[in-house]
Amino acid sequence: MWLMSEYILKTIKNEDFLISDIKHANILIIKYTDMGNVLEFRNRNDANIQFKIPIRNIETVEITQQDTGWIKKTKDKIIQITFKDEQGQTRIIRLNPEDNYVEDIQKELIQLRREEFNKDSKYW
């Protein structure tokens, strides 16, 4: 059995542009499974997964701010996720969900990561 949380994203930026599959995604799904928790990035018009990050590969989840607007300058909250890809390279992506969900997403990811590592230490 699995559960999930789903968030609509305004934009996704990846620092090195090596994650080309992620550029068309606009939905973040945090999926809880017995086989390991994952972040899935999808396009709302397509059922296929654009990109996936196992929670155990996430190193940090930080909230930053970005200036938006040409005339009326405002601050937009951004979630910055640092993770290791399948080759062990450090990657950074920035997600821009609605501001009122930013802290919830951060807390959920940090809690899941903590649970992943606690599960490993109990097993070994």
PDB file of N, CA and C in Angstrom:
ATOM      1  N   MET A   1       0.837  -1.193   0.000  1.00  0.00           N
ATOM      2  CA  MET A   1       0.000   0.000   0.000  1.00  0.00           C
ATOM      3  C   MET A   1       0.873   1.246   0.000  1.00  0.00           C
ATOM      4  N   TRP A   2       0.430   2.285  -0.714  1.00  0.00           N
ATOM      5  CA  TRP A   2       1.178   3.525  -0.713  1.00  0.00           C
ATOM      6  C   TRP A   2       0.245   4.708  -0.575  1.00  0.00           C
ATOM      7  N   LEU A   3       0.779   5.773  -0.022  1.00  0.00           N
ATOM      8  CA  LEU A   3       0.068   7.037   0.140  1.00  0.00           C
ATOM      9  C   LEU A   3       0.851   8.099  -0.605  1.00  0.00           C
ATOM     10  N   MET A   4       0.222   9.247  -0.815  1.00  0.00           N
ATOM     11  CA  MET A   4       0.974  10.311  -1.480  1.00  0.00           C
ATOM     12  C   MET A   4       0.399  11.671  -1.163  1.00  0.00           C
ATOM     13  N   SER A   5       1.274  12.673  -1.300  1.00  0.00           N
ATOM     14  CA  SER A   5       0.880  14.076  -1.246  1.00  0.00           C
ATOM     15  C   SER A   5       1.164  14.648  -2.631  1.00  0.00           C
ATOM     16  N   GLU A   6       0.316  15.554  -3.076  1.00  0.00           N
ATOM     17  CA  GLU A   6       0.490  16.120  -4.407  1.00  0.00           C
ATOM     18  C   GLU A   6       0.433  17.644  -4.334  1.00  0.00           C
ATOM     19  N   TYR A   7       1.386  18.303  -5.027  1.00  0.00           N
ATOM     20  CA  TYR A   7       1.467  19.763  -5.044  1.00  0.00           C
ATOM     21  C   TYR A   7       1.650  20.243  -6.481  1.00  0.00           C
ATOM     22  N   ILE A   8       0.985  21.319  -6.818  1.00  0.00           N
ATOM     23  CA  ILE A   8       1.163  21.937  -8.131  1.00  0.00           C
ATOM     24  C   ILE A   8       2.352  22.896  -8.045  1.00  0.00           C
ATOM     25  N   LEU A   9       3.225  22.822  -9.044  1.00  0.00           N
ATOM     26  CA  LEU A   9       4.413  23.667  -9.097  1.00  0.00           C
ATOM     27  C   LEU A   9       4.259  24.717 -10.188  1.00  0.00           C
ATOM     28  N   LYS A  10       4.715  25.929  -9.873  1.00  0.00           N
ATOM     29  CA  LYS A  10       4.718  26.981 -10.895  1.00  0.00           C
ATOM     30  C   LYS A  10       5.909  26.787 -11.824  1.00  0.00           C
ATOM     31  N   THR A  11       7.088  26.574 -11.254  1.00  0.00           N
ATOM     32  CA  THR A  11       8.290  26.355 -12.061  1.00  0.00           C
ATOM     33  C   THR A  11       9.230  25.390 -11.349  1.00  0.00           C
ATOM     34  N   ILE A  12      10.108  24.784 -12.136  1.00  0.00           N
ATOM     35  CA  ILE A  12      11.191  23.952 -11.620  1.00  0.00           C
ATOM     36  C   ILE A  12      12.452  24.410 -12.337  1.00  0.00           C
ATOM     37  N   LYS A  13      13.499  24.656 -11.571  1.00  0.00           N
ATOM     38  CA  LYS A  13      14.783  25.019 -12.169  1.00  0.00           C
ATOM     39  C   LYS A  13      15.834  24.052 -11.654  1.00  0.00           C
ATOM     40  N   ASN A  14      16.654  23.538 -12.566  1.00  0.00           N
ATOM     41  CA  ASN A  14      17.768  22.725 -12.116  1.00  0.00           C
ATOM     42  C   ASN A  14      19.049  23.421 -12.540  1.00  0.00           C
ATOM     43  N   GLU A  15      19.976  23.463 -11.625  1.00  0.00           N
ATOM     44  CA  GLU A  15      21.174  24.287 -11.742  1.00  0.00           C
ATOM     45  C   GLU A  15      22.023  23.986 -12.962  1.00  0.00           C
ATOM     46  N   ASP A  16      22.198  22.722 -13.275  1.00  0.00           N
ATOM     47  CA  ASP A  16      23.141  22.365 -14.325  1.00  0.00           C
ATOM     48  C   ASP A  16      22.466  21.935 -15.623  1.00  0.00           C
ATOM     49  N   PHE A  17      21.166  21.945 -15.658  1.00  0.00           N
ATOM     50  CA  PHE A  17      20.378  21.588 -16.842  1.00  0.00           C
ATOM     51  C   PHE A  17      20.660  20.175 -17.344  1.00  0.00           C
ATOM     52  N   LEU A  18      21.239  19.333 -16.490  1.00  0.00           N
ATOM     53  CA  LEU A  18      21.488  17.951 -16.882  1.00  0.00           C
ATOM     54  C   LEU A  18      20.259  17.079 -16.677  1.00  0.00           C
ATOM     55  N   ILE A  19      19.285  17.618 -15.981  1.00  0.00           N
ATOM     56  CA  ILE A  19      18.059  16.864 -15.740  1.00  0.00           C
ATOM     57  C   ILE A  19      17.007  17.387 -16.715  1.00  0.00           C
ATOM     58  N   SER A  20      17.166  17.057 -17.976  1.00  0.00           N
ATOM     59  CA  SER A  20      16.277  17.626 -19.000  1.00  0.00           C
ATOM     60  C   SER A  20      14.851  17.110 -18.876  1.00  0.00           C
ATOM     61  N   ASP A  21      14.673  15.925 -18.326  1.00  0.00           N
ATOM     62  CA  ASP A  21      13.337  15.345 -18.216  1.00  0.00           C
ATOM     63  C   ASP A  21      12.420  16.143 -17.294  1.00  0.00           C
ATOM     64  N   ILE A  22      13.000  16.920 -16.404  1.00  0.00           N
ATOM     65  CA  ILE A  22      12.210  17.586 -15.373  1.00  0.00           C
ATOM     66  C   ILE A  22      11.584  18.903 -15.852  1.00  0.00           C
ATOM     67  N   LYS A  23      12.037  19.431 -16.966  1.00  0.00           N
ATOM     68  CA  LYS A  23      11.637  20.789 -17.349  1.00  0.00           C
ATOM     69  C   LYS A  23      10.153  20.944 -17.676  1.00  0.00           C
ATOM     70  N   HIS A  24       9.472  19.872 -18.029  1.00  0.00           N
ATOM     71  CA  HIS A  24       8.050  19.978 -18.368  1.00  0.00           C
ATOM     72  C   HIS A  24       7.131  19.553 -17.231  1.00  0.00           C
ATOM     73  N   ALA A  25       7.714  19.179 -16.116  1.00  0.00           N
ATOM     74  CA  ALA A  25       6.893  18.734 -14.982  1.00  0.00           C
ATOM     75  C   ALA A  25       6.287  19.945 -14.276  1.00  0.00           C
ATOM     76  N   ASN A  26       5.060  19.787 -13.810  1.00  0.00           N
ATOM     77  CA  ASN A  26       4.416  20.859 -13.040  1.00  0.00           C
ATOM     78  C   ASN A  26       3.643  20.334 -11.838  1.00  0.00           C
ATOM     79  N   ILE A  27       3.864  19.060 -11.522  1.00  0.00           N
ATOM     80  CA  ILE A  27       3.254  18.465 -10.331  1.00  0.00           C
ATOM     81  C   ILE A  27       4.335  17.710  -9.564  1.00  0.00           C
ATOM     82  N   LEU A  28       4.385  17.963  -8.255  1.00  0.00           N
ATOM     83  CA  LEU A  28       5.274  17.235  -7.354  1.00  0.00           C
ATOM     84  C   LEU A  28       4.427  16.253  -6.569  1.00  0.00           C
ATOM     85  N   ILE A  29       4.822  14.994  -6.600  1.00  0.00           N
ATOM     86  CA  ILE A  29       4.140  13.966  -5.822  1.00  0.00           C
ATOM     87  C   ILE A  29       5.156  13.382  -4.853  1.00  0.00           C
ATOM     88  N   ILE A  30       4.805  13.404  -3.581  1.00  0.00           N
ATOM     89  CA  ILE A  30       5.629  12.764  -2.558  1.00  0.00           C
ATOM     90  C   ILE A  30       4.940  11.442  -2.266  1.00  0.00           C
ATOM     91  N   LYS A  31       5.576  10.350  -2.674  1.00  0.00           N
ATOM     92  CA  LYS A  31       4.947   9.035  -2.593  1.00  0.00           C
ATOM     93  C   LYS A  31       5.581   8.208  -1.480  1.00  0.00           C
ATOM     94  N   TYR A  32       4.723   7.660  -0.630  1.00  0.00           N
ATOM     95  CA  TYR A  32       5.135   6.801   0.477  1.00  0.00           C
ATOM     96  C   TYR A  32       4.894   5.357   0.051  1.00  0.00           C
ATOM     97  N   THR A  33       5.959   4.557  -0.028  1.00  0.00           N
ATOM     98  CA  THR A  33       5.801   3.155  -0.398  1.00  0.00           C
ATOM     99  C   THR A  33       6.613   2.274   0.544  1.00  0.00           C
ATOM    100  N   ASP A  34       6.287   0.998   0.551  1.00  0.00           N
ATOM    101  CA  ASP A  34       7.054   0.038   1.355  1.00  0.00           C
ATOM    102  C   ASP A  34       8.460  -0.142   0.801  1.00  0.00           C
ATOM    103  N   MET A  35       8.642   0.092  -0.476  1.00  0.00           N
ATOM    104  CA  MET A  35       9.940  -0.095  -1.125  1.00  0.00           C
ATOM    105  C   MET A  35      10.851   1.132  -0.995  1.00  0.00           C
ATOM    106  N   GLY A  36      10.358   2.207  -0.425  1.00  0.00           N
ATOM    107  CA  GLY A  36      11.142   3.430  -0.281  1.00  0.00           C
ATOM    108  C   GLY A  36      10.343   4.630  -0.774  1.00  0.00           C
ATOM    109  N   ASN A  37      10.453   5.724  -0.069  1.00  0.00           N
ATOM    110  CA  ASN A  37       9.703   6.928  -0.413  1.00  0.00           C
ATOM    111  C   ASN A  37      10.418   7.688  -1.522  1.00  0.00           C
ATOM    112  N   VAL A  38       9.644   8.313  -2.406  1.00  0.00           N
ATOM    113  CA  VAL A  38      10.221   9.015  -3.553  1.00  0.00           C
ATOM    114  C   VAL A  38       9.493  10.322  -3.833  1.00  0.00           C
ATOM    115  N   LEU A  39      10.217  11.224  -4.484  1.00  0.00           N
ATOM    116  CA  LEU A  39       9.621  12.411  -5.083  1.00  0.00           C
ATOM    117  C   LEU A  39       9.415  12.088  -6.548  1.00  0.00           C
ATOM    118  N   GLU A  40       8.238  12.337  -7.056  1.00  0.00           N
ATOM    119  CA  GLU A  40       7.970  12.140  -8.473  1.00  0.00           C
ATOM    120  C   GLU A  40       7.565  13.479  -9.071  1.00  0.00           C
ATOM    121  N   PHE A  41       8.069  13.750 -10.249  1.00  0.00           N
ATOM    122  CA  PHE A  41       7.727  14.960 -10.974  1.00  0.00           C
ATOM    123  C   PHE A  41       6.982  14.545 -12.231  1.00  0.00           C
ATOM    124  N   ARG A  42       5.786  15.125 -12.399  1.00  0.00           N
ATOM    125  CA  ARG A  42       4.946  14.776 -13.546  1.00  0.00           C
ATOM    126  C   ARG A  42       4.387  16.036 -14.194  1.00  0.00           C
ATOM    127  N   ASN A  43       3.915  15.856 -15.397  1.00  0.00           N
ATOM    128  CA  ASN A  43       3.163  16.894 -16.086  1.00  0.00           C
ATOM    129  C   ASN A  43       1.698  16.558 -15.885  1.00  0.00           C
ATOM    130  N   ARG A  44       0.890  17.555 -15.537  1.00  0.00           N
ATOM    131  CA  ARG A  44      -0.515  17.254 -15.224  1.00  0.00           C
ATOM    132  C   ARG A  44      -1.286  16.720 -16.421  1.00  0.00           C
ATOM    133  N   ASN A  45      -0.776  16.912 -17.641  1.00  0.00           N
ATOM    134  CA  ASN A  45      -1.446  16.412 -18.844  1.00  0.00           C
ATOM    135  C   ASN A  45      -0.930  15.042 -19.271  1.00  0.00           C
ATOM    136  N   ASP A  46      -0.009  14.469 -18.496  1.00  0.00           N
ATOM    137  CA  ASP A  46       0.629  13.219 -18.880  1.00  0.00           C
ATOM    138  C   ASP A  46       0.777  12.353 -17.632  1.00  0.00           C
ATOM    139  N   ALA A  47       0.393  11.114 -17.710  1.00  0.00           N
ATOM    140  CA  ALA A  47       0.470  10.227 -16.545  1.00  0.00           C
ATOM    141  C   ALA A  47       1.893   9.717 -16.293  1.00  0.00           C
ATOM    142  N   ASN A  48       2.786   9.889 -17.251  1.00  0.00           N
ATOM    143  CA  ASN A  48       4.148   9.372 -17.104  1.00  0.00           C
ATOM    144  C   ASN A  48       4.960  10.193 -16.104  1.00  0.00           C
ATOM    145  N   ILE A  49       5.840   9.508 -15.399  1.00  0.00           N
ATOM    146  CA  ILE A  49       6.749  10.178 -14.472  1.00  0.00           C
ATOM    147  C   ILE A  49       7.859  10.828 -15.286  1.00  0.00           C
ATOM    148  N   GLN A  50       8.063  12.141 -15.103  1.00  0.00           N
ATOM    149  CA  GLN A  50       9.108  12.860 -15.811  1.00  0.00           C
ATOM    150  C   GLN A  50      10.478  12.635 -15.170  1.00  0.00           C
ATOM    151  N   PHE A  51      10.476  12.595 -13.827  1.00  0.00           N
ATOM    152  CA  PHE A  51      11.722  12.447 -13.079  1.00  0.00           C
ATOM    153  C   PHE A  51      11.388  11.959 -11.682  1.00  0.00           C
ATOM    154  N   LYS A  52      12.313  11.197 -11.085  1.00  0.00           N
ATOM    155  CA  LYS A  52      12.070  10.636  -9.764  1.00  0.00           C
ATOM    156  C   LYS A  52      13.338  10.772  -8.919  1.00  0.00           C
ATOM    157  N   ILE A  53      13.161  11.144  -7.629  1.00  0.00           N
ATOM    158  CA  ILE A  53      14.276  11.226  -6.685  1.00  0.00           C
ATOM    159  C   ILE A  53      13.920  10.400  -5.456  1.00  0.00           C
ATOM    160  N   PRO A  54      14.684   9.353  -5.157  1.00  0.00           N
ATOM    161  CA  PRO A  54      14.447   8.637  -3.899  1.00  0.00           C
ATOM    162  C   PRO A  54      14.726   9.561  -2.718  1.00  0.00           C
ATOM    163  N   ILE A  55      13.874   9.522  -1.714  1.00  0.00           N
ATOM    164  CA  ILE A  55      14.037  10.382  -0.535  1.00  0.00           C
ATOM    165  C   ILE A  55      15.405  10.165   0.105  1.00  0.00           C
ATOM    166  N   ARG A  56      15.894   8.930   0.079  1.00  0.00           N
ATOM    167  CA  ARG A  56      17.182   8.646   0.702  1.00  0.00           C
ATOM    168  C   ARG A  56      18.343   9.362   0.009  1.00  0.00           C
ATOM    169  N   ASN A  57      18.158   9.820  -1.229  1.00  0.00           N
ATOM    170  CA  ASN A  57      19.215  10.534  -1.962  1.00  0.00           C
ATOM    171  C   ASN A  57      19.229  12.033  -1.666  1.00  0.00           C
ATOM    172  N   ILE A  58      18.219  12.520  -0.967  1.00  0.00           N
ATOM    173  CA  ILE A  58      18.145  13.950  -0.663  1.00  0.00           C
ATOM    174  C   ILE A  58      19.104  14.282   0.467  1.00  0.00           C
ATOM    175  N   GLU A  59      19.909  15.307   0.239  1.00  0.00           N
ATOM    176  CA  GLU A  59      20.864  15.751   1.257  1.00  0.00           C
ATOM    177  C   GLU A  59      20.319  16.918   2.068  1.00  0.00           C
ATOM    178  N   THR A  60      19.747  17.927   1.399  1.00  0.00           N
ATOM    179  CA  THR A  60      19.186  19.081   2.100  1.00  0.00           C
ATOM    180  C   THR A  60      17.896  19.537   1.424  1.00  0.00           C
ATOM    181  N   VAL A  61      17.039  20.153   2.243  1.00  0.00           N
ATOM    182  CA  VAL A  61      15.808  20.784   1.764  1.00  0.00           C
ATOM    183  C   VAL A  61      15.754  22.153   2.427  1.00  0.00           C
ATOM    184  N   GLU A  62      15.968  23.200   1.647  1.00  0.00           N
ATOM    185  CA  GLU A  62      16.032  24.555   2.195  1.00  0.00           C
ATOM    186  C   GLU A  62      14.996  25.448   1.546  1.00  0.00           C
ATOM    187  N   ILE A  63      14.555  26.430   2.301  1.00  0.00           N
ATOM    188  CA  ILE A  63      13.646  27.439   1.757  1.00  0.00           C
ATOM    189  C   ILE A  63      14.463  28.692   1.471  1.00  0.00           C
ATOM    190  N   THR A  64      14.368  29.180   0.251  1.00  0.00           N
ATOM    191  CA  THR A  64      15.037  30.423  -0.141  1.00  0.00           C
ATOM    192  C   THR A  64      13.980  31.367  -0.701  1.00  0.00           C
ATOM    193  N   GLN A  65      14.403  32.552  -1.068  1.00  0.00           N
ATOM    194  CA  GLN A  65      13.477  33.513  -1.684  1.00  0.00           C
ATOM    195  C   GLN A  65      14.040  34.003  -2.993  1.00  0.00           C
ATOM    196  N   GLN A  66      13.131  34.345  -3.890  1.00  0.00           N
ATOM    197  CA  GLN A  66      13.500  34.825  -5.211  1.00  0.00           C
ATOM    198  C   GLN A  66      12.683  36.081  -5.497  1.00  0.00           C
ATOM    199  N   ASP A  67      13.329  37.094  -6.028  1.00  0.00           N
ATOM    200  CA  ASP A  67      12.611  38.306  -6.429  1.00  0.00           C
ATOM    201  C   ASP A  67      11.795  38.013  -7.672  1.00  0.00           C
ATOM    202  N   THR A  68      10.552  38.489  -7.682  1.00  0.00           N
ATOM    203  CA  THR A  68       9.695  38.332  -8.854  1.00  0.00           C
ATOM    204  C   THR A  68       9.052  39.671  -9.183  1.00  0.00           C
ATOM    205  N   GLY A  69       8.621  39.801 -10.394  1.00  0.00           N
ATOM    206  CA  GLY A  69       7.917  41.007 -10.816  1.00  0.00           C
ATOM    207  C   GLY A  69       8.849  42.090 -11.322  1.00  0.00           C
ATOM    208  N   TRP A  70       8.429  42.748 -12.390  1.00  0.00           N
ATOM    209  CA  TRP A  70       9.224  43.840 -12.968  1.00  0.00           C
ATOM    210  C   TRP A  70       8.874  45.174 -12.319  1.00  0.00           C
ATOM    211  N   ILE A  71       7.614  45.414 -12.164  1.00  0.00           N
ATOM    212  CA  ILE A  71       7.184  46.698 -11.622  1.00  0.00           C
ATOM    213  C   ILE A  71       7.033  46.621 -10.117  1.00  0.00           C
ATOM    214  N   LYS A  72       6.225  45.687  -9.669  1.00  0.00           N
ATOM    215  CA  LYS A  72       6.021  45.510  -8.232  1.00  0.00           C
ATOM    216  C   LYS A  72       6.894  44.348  -7.770  1.00  0.00           C
ATOM    217  N   LYS A  73       7.995  44.670  -7.144  1.00  0.00           N
ATOM    218  CA  LYS A  73       8.930  43.644  -6.679  1.00  0.00           C
ATOM    219  C   LYS A  73       8.343  42.914  -5.477  1.00  0.00           C
ATOM    220  N   THR A  74       8.310  41.593  -5.553  1.00  0.00           N
ATOM    221  CA  THR A  74       7.856  40.764  -4.444  1.00  0.00           C
ATOM    222  C   THR A  74       8.854  39.629  -4.256  1.00  0.00           C
ATOM    223  N   LYS A  75       8.747  38.980  -3.122  1.00  0.00           N
ATOM    224  CA  LYS A  75       9.583  37.813  -2.824  1.00  0.00           C
ATOM    225  C   LYS A  75       8.732  36.564  -2.977  1.00  0.00           C
ATOM    226  N   ASP A  76       9.261  35.576  -3.661  1.00  0.00           N
ATOM    227  CA  ASP A  76       8.581  34.312  -3.857  1.00  0.00           C
ATOM    228  C   ASP A  76       9.380  33.233  -3.143  1.00  0.00           C
ATOM    229  N   LYS A  77       8.710  32.397  -2.343  1.00  0.00           N
ATOM    230  CA  LYS A  77       9.403  31.329  -1.626  1.00  0.00           C
ATOM    231  C   LYS A  77       9.709  30.173  -2.580  1.00  0.00           C
ATOM    232  N   ILE A  78      10.931  29.663  -2.463  1.00  0.00           N
ATOM    233  CA  ILE A  78      11.422  28.584  -3.316  1.00  0.00           C
ATOM    234  C   ILE A  78      11.945  27.463  -2.419  1.00  0.00           C
ATOM    235  N   ILE A  79      11.704  26.223  -2.807  1.00  0.00           N
ATOM    236  CA  ILE A  79      12.300  25.084  -2.106  1.00  0.00           C
ATOM    237  C   ILE A  79      13.509  24.633  -2.908  1.00  0.00           C
ATOM    238  N   GLN A  80      14.659  24.619  -2.257  1.00  0.00           N
ATOM    239  CA  GLN A  80      15.888  24.167  -2.908  1.00  0.00           C
ATOM    240  C   GLN A  80      16.236  22.787  -2.357  1.00  0.00           C
ATOM    241  N   ILE A  81      16.326  21.812  -3.255  1.00  0.00           N
ATOM    242  CA  ILE A  81      16.629  20.436  -2.867  1.00  0.00           C
ATOM    243  C   ILE A  81      17.989  20.057  -3.437  1.00  0.00           C
ATOM    244  N   THR A  82      18.889  19.634  -2.551  1.00  0.00           N
ATOM    245  CA  THR A  82      20.190  19.125  -2.961  1.00  0.00           C
ATOM    246  C   THR A  82      20.138  17.610  -2.797  1.00  0.00           C
ATOM    247  N   PHE A  83      20.529  16.885  -3.856  1.00  0.00           N
ATOM    248  CA  PHE A  83      20.448  15.425  -3.820  1.00  0.00           C
ATOM    249  C   PHE A  83      21.562  14.811  -4.655  1.00  0.00           C
ATOM    250  N   LYS A  84      21.777  13.528  -4.461  1.00  0.00           N
ATOM    251  CA  LYS A  84      22.733  12.761  -5.266  1.00  0.00           C
ATOM    252  C   LYS A  84      21.958  12.029  -6.361  1.00  0.00           C
ATOM    253  N   ASP A  85      22.459  12.131  -7.602  1.00  0.00           N
ATOM    254  CA  ASP A  85      21.818  11.393  -8.682  1.00  0.00           C
ATOM    255  C   ASP A  85      22.326   9.952  -8.702  1.00  0.00           C
ATOM    256  N   GLU A  86      21.909   9.180  -9.703  1.00  0.00           N
ATOM    257  CA  GLU A  86      22.280   7.764  -9.758  1.00  0.00           C
ATOM    258  C   GLU A  86      23.778   7.539  -9.922  1.00  0.00           C
ATOM    259  N   GLN A  87      24.496   8.525 -10.447  1.00  0.00           N
ATOM    260  CA  GLN A  87      25.949   8.416 -10.615  1.00  0.00           C
ATOM    261  C   GLN A  87      26.709   8.964  -9.409  1.00  0.00           C
ATOM    262  N   GLY A  88      25.994   9.422  -8.393  1.00  0.00           N
ATOM    263  CA  GLY A  88      26.634   9.957  -7.200  1.00  0.00           C
ATOM    264  C   GLY A  88      27.007  11.421  -7.296  1.00  0.00           C
ATOM    265  N   GLN A  89      26.579  12.085  -8.362  1.00  0.00           N
ATOM    266  CA  GLN A  89      26.840  13.515  -8.536  1.00  0.00           C
ATOM    267  C   GLN A  89      25.835  14.328  -7.737  1.00  0.00           C
ATOM    268  N   THR A  90      26.303  15.409  -7.126  1.00  0.00           N
ATOM    269  CA  THR A  90      25.403  16.295  -6.386  1.00  0.00           C
ATOM    270  C   THR A  90      24.655  17.181  -7.370  1.00  0.00           C
ATOM    271  N   ARG A  91      23.352  17.242  -7.226  1.00  0.00           N
ATOM    272  CA  ARG A  91      22.490  18.055  -8.084  1.00  0.00           C
ATOM    273  C   ARG A  91      21.632  18.959  -7.202  1.00  0.00           C
ATOM    274  N   ILE A  92      21.224  20.087  -7.761  1.00  0.00           N
ATOM    275  CA  ILE A  92      20.349  21.027  -7.063  1.00  0.00           C
ATOM    276  C   ILE A  92      19.182  21.365  -7.970  1.00  0.00           C
ATOM    277  N   ILE A  93      17.985  21.278  -7.414  1.00  0.00           N
ATOM    278  CA  ILE A  93      16.809  21.762  -8.131  1.00  0.00           C
ATOM    279  C   ILE A  93      16.076  22.738  -7.223  1.00  0.00           C
ATOM    280  N   ARG A  94      15.389  23.673  -7.845  1.00  0.00           N
ATOM    281  CA  ARG A  94      14.580  24.649  -7.109  1.00  0.00           C
ATOM    282  C   ARG A  94      13.142  24.515  -7.574  1.00  0.00           C
ATOM    283  N   LEU A  95      12.258  24.338  -6.605  1.00  0.00           N
ATOM    284  CA  LEU A  95      10.834  24.172  -6.884  1.00  0.00           C
ATOM    285  C   LEU A  95      10.088  25.413  -6.434  1.00  0.00           C
ATOM    286  N   ASN A  96       9.115  25.808  -7.211  1.00  0.00           N
ATOM    287  CA  ASN A  96       8.322  26.976  -6.874  1.00  0.00           C
ATOM    288  C   ASN A  96       6.854  26.586  -6.760  1.00  0.00           C
ATOM    289  N   PRO A  97       6.450  26.047  -5.593  1.00  0.00           N
ATOM    290  CA  PRO A  97       5.028  25.778  -5.363  1.00  0.00           C
ATOM    291  C   PRO A  97       4.351  27.048  -4.852  1.00  0.00           C
ATOM    292  N   GLU A  98       3.074  26.984  -4.586  1.00  0.00           N
ATOM    293  CA  GLU A  98       2.393  28.103  -3.938  1.00  0.00           C
ATOM    294  C   GLU A  98       3.056  28.347  -2.593  1.00  0.00           C
ATOM    295  N   ASP A  99       3.245  29.610  -2.241  1.00  0.00           N
ATOM    296  CA  ASP A  99       3.976  29.965  -1.019  1.00  0.00           C
ATOM    297  C   ASP A  99       3.394  29.334   0.243  1.00  0.00           C
ATOM    298  N   ASN A 100       2.077  29.172   0.313  1.00  0.00           N
ATOM    299  CA  ASN A 100       1.477  28.626   1.526  1.00  0.00           C
ATOM    300  C   ASN A 100       1.761  27.129   1.720  1.00  0.00           C
ATOM    301  N   TYR A 101       2.357  26.453   0.716  1.00  0.00           N
ATOM    302  CA  TYR A 101       2.700  25.036   0.849  1.00  0.00           C
ATOM    303  C   TYR A 101       4.188  24.794   1.081  1.00  0.00           C
ATOM    304  N   VAL A 102       5.006  25.810   0.967  1.00  0.00           N
ATOM    305  CA  VAL A 102       6.457  25.644   1.016  1.00  0.00           C
ATOM    306  C   VAL A 102       6.914  24.997   2.326  1.00  0.00           C
ATOM    307  N   GLU A 103       6.483  25.528   3.456  1.00  0.00           N
ATOM    308  CA  GLU A 103       6.908  24.972   4.749  1.00  0.00           C
ATOM    309  C   GLU A 103       6.386  23.546   4.940  1.00  0.00           C
ATOM    310  N   ASP A 104       5.165  23.275   4.487  1.00  0.00           N
ATOM    311  CA  ASP A 104       4.604  21.924   4.608  1.00  0.00           C
ATOM    312  C   ASP A 104       5.430  20.916   3.811  1.00  0.00           C
ATOM    313  N   ILE A 105       5.808  21.282   2.605  1.00  0.00           N
ATOM    314  CA  ILE A 105       6.618  20.391   1.767  1.00  0.00           C
ATOM    315  C   ILE A 105       7.976  20.148   2.424  1.00  0.00           C
ATOM    316  N   GLN A 106       8.600  21.216   2.911  1.00  0.00           N
ATOM    317  CA  GLN A 106       9.903  21.070   3.558  1.00  0.00           C
ATOM    318  C   GLN A 106       9.801  20.135   4.768  1.00  0.00           C
ATOM    319  N   LYS A 107       8.818  20.352   5.628  1.00  0.00           N
ATOM    320  CA  LYS A 107       8.659  19.513   6.818  1.00  0.00           C
ATOM    321  C   LYS A 107       8.413  18.051   6.443  1.00  0.00           C
ATOM    322  N   GLU A 108       7.581  17.840   5.448  1.00  0.00           N
ATOM    323  CA  GLU A 108       7.266  16.475   5.015  1.00  0.00           C
ATOM    324  C   GLU A 108       8.519  15.764   4.487  1.00  0.00           C
ATOM    325  N   LEU A 109       9.307  16.454   3.675  1.00  0.00           N
ATOM    326  CA  LEU A 109      10.523  15.847   3.122  1.00  0.00           C
ATOM    327  C   LEU A 109      11.565  15.564   4.197  1.00  0.00           C
ATOM    328  N   ILE A 110      11.735  16.490   5.120  1.00  0.00           N
ATOM    329  CA  ILE A 110      12.703  16.286   6.204  1.00  0.00           C
ATOM    330  C   ILE A 110      12.269  15.117   7.078  1.00  0.00           C
ATOM    331  N   GLN A 111      10.987  15.037   7.395  1.00  0.00           N
ATOM    332  CA  GLN A 111      10.477  13.940   8.218  1.00  0.00           C
ATOM    333  C   GLN A 111      10.647  12.595   7.503  1.00  0.00           C
ATOM    334  N   LEU A 112      10.332  12.537   6.223  1.00  0.00           N
ATOM    335  CA  LEU A 112      10.483  11.291   5.470  1.00  0.00           C
ATOM    336  C   LEU A 112      11.937  10.856   5.391  1.00  0.00           C
ATOM    337  N   ARG A 113      12.821  11.824   5.184  1.00  0.00           N
ATOM    338  CA  ARG A 113      14.253  11.512   5.128  1.00  0.00           C
ATOM    339  C   ARG A 113      14.723  10.949   6.463  1.00  0.00           C
ATOM    340  N   ARG A 114      14.292  11.565   7.546  1.00  0.00           N
ATOM    341  CA  ARG A 114      14.637  11.089   8.883  1.00  0.00           C
ATOM    342  C   ARG A 114      14.124   9.653   9.087  1.00  0.00           C
ATOM    343  N   GLU A 115      12.903   9.383   8.663  1.00  0.00           N
ATOM    344  CA  GLU A 115      12.334   8.044   8.801  1.00  0.00           C
ATOM    345  C   GLU A 115      13.097   7.021   7.957  1.00  0.00           C
ATOM    346  N   GLU A 116      13.517   7.415   6.753  1.00  0.00           N
ATOM    347  CA  GLU A 116      14.303   6.511   5.894  1.00  0.00           C
ATOM    348  C   GLU A 116      15.585   6.081   6.591  1.00  0.00           C
ATOM    349  N   PHE A 117      16.288   7.035   7.189  1.00  0.00           N
ATOM    350  CA  PHE A 117      17.557   6.717   7.835  1.00  0.00           C
ATOM    351  C   PHE A 117      17.347   5.987   9.154  1.00  0.00           C
ATOM    352  N   ASN A 118      16.267   6.274   9.860  1.00  0.00           N
ATOM    353  CA  ASN A 118      15.955   5.514  11.080  1.00  0.00           C
ATOM    354  C   ASN A 118      15.605   4.066  10.741  1.00  0.00           C
ATOM    355  N   LYS A 119      14.910   3.867   9.638  1.00  0.00           N
ATOM    356  CA  LYS A 119      14.541   2.533   9.191  1.00  0.00           C
ATOM    357  C   LYS A 119      15.809   1.722   8.887  1.00  0.00           C
ATOM    358  N   ASP A 120      16.793   2.355   8.227  1.00  0.00           N
ATOM    359  CA  ASP A 120      18.055   1.687   7.910  1.00  0.00           C
ATOM    360  C   ASP A 120      18.820   1.308   9.169  1.00  0.00           C
ATOM    361  N   SER A 121      18.890   2.212  10.145  1.00  0.00           N
ATOM    362  CA  SER A 121      19.658   1.925  11.351  1.00  0.00           C
ATOM    363  C   SER A 121      18.998   0.828  12.179  1.00  0.00           C
ATOM    364  N   LYS A 122      17.683   0.729  12.140  1.00  0.00           N
ATOM    365  CA  LYS A 122      16.999  -0.342  12.865  1.00  0.00           C
ATOM    366  C   LYS A 122      17.234  -1.690  12.177  1.00  0.00           C
ATOM    367  N   TYR A 123      17.291  -1.654  10.865  1.00  0.00           N
ATOM    368  CA  TYR A 123      17.482  -2.892  10.109  1.00  0.00           C
ATOM    369  C   TYR A 123      18.879  -3.452  10.322  1.00  0.00           C
ATOM    370  N   TRP A 124      19.863  -2.596  10.264  1.00  0.00           N
ATOM    371  CA  TRP A 124      21.248  -3.064  10.387  1.00  0.00           C
ATOM    372  C   TRP A 124      21.621  -3.124  11.822  1.00  0.00           C
TER     373      TRP A 124
END
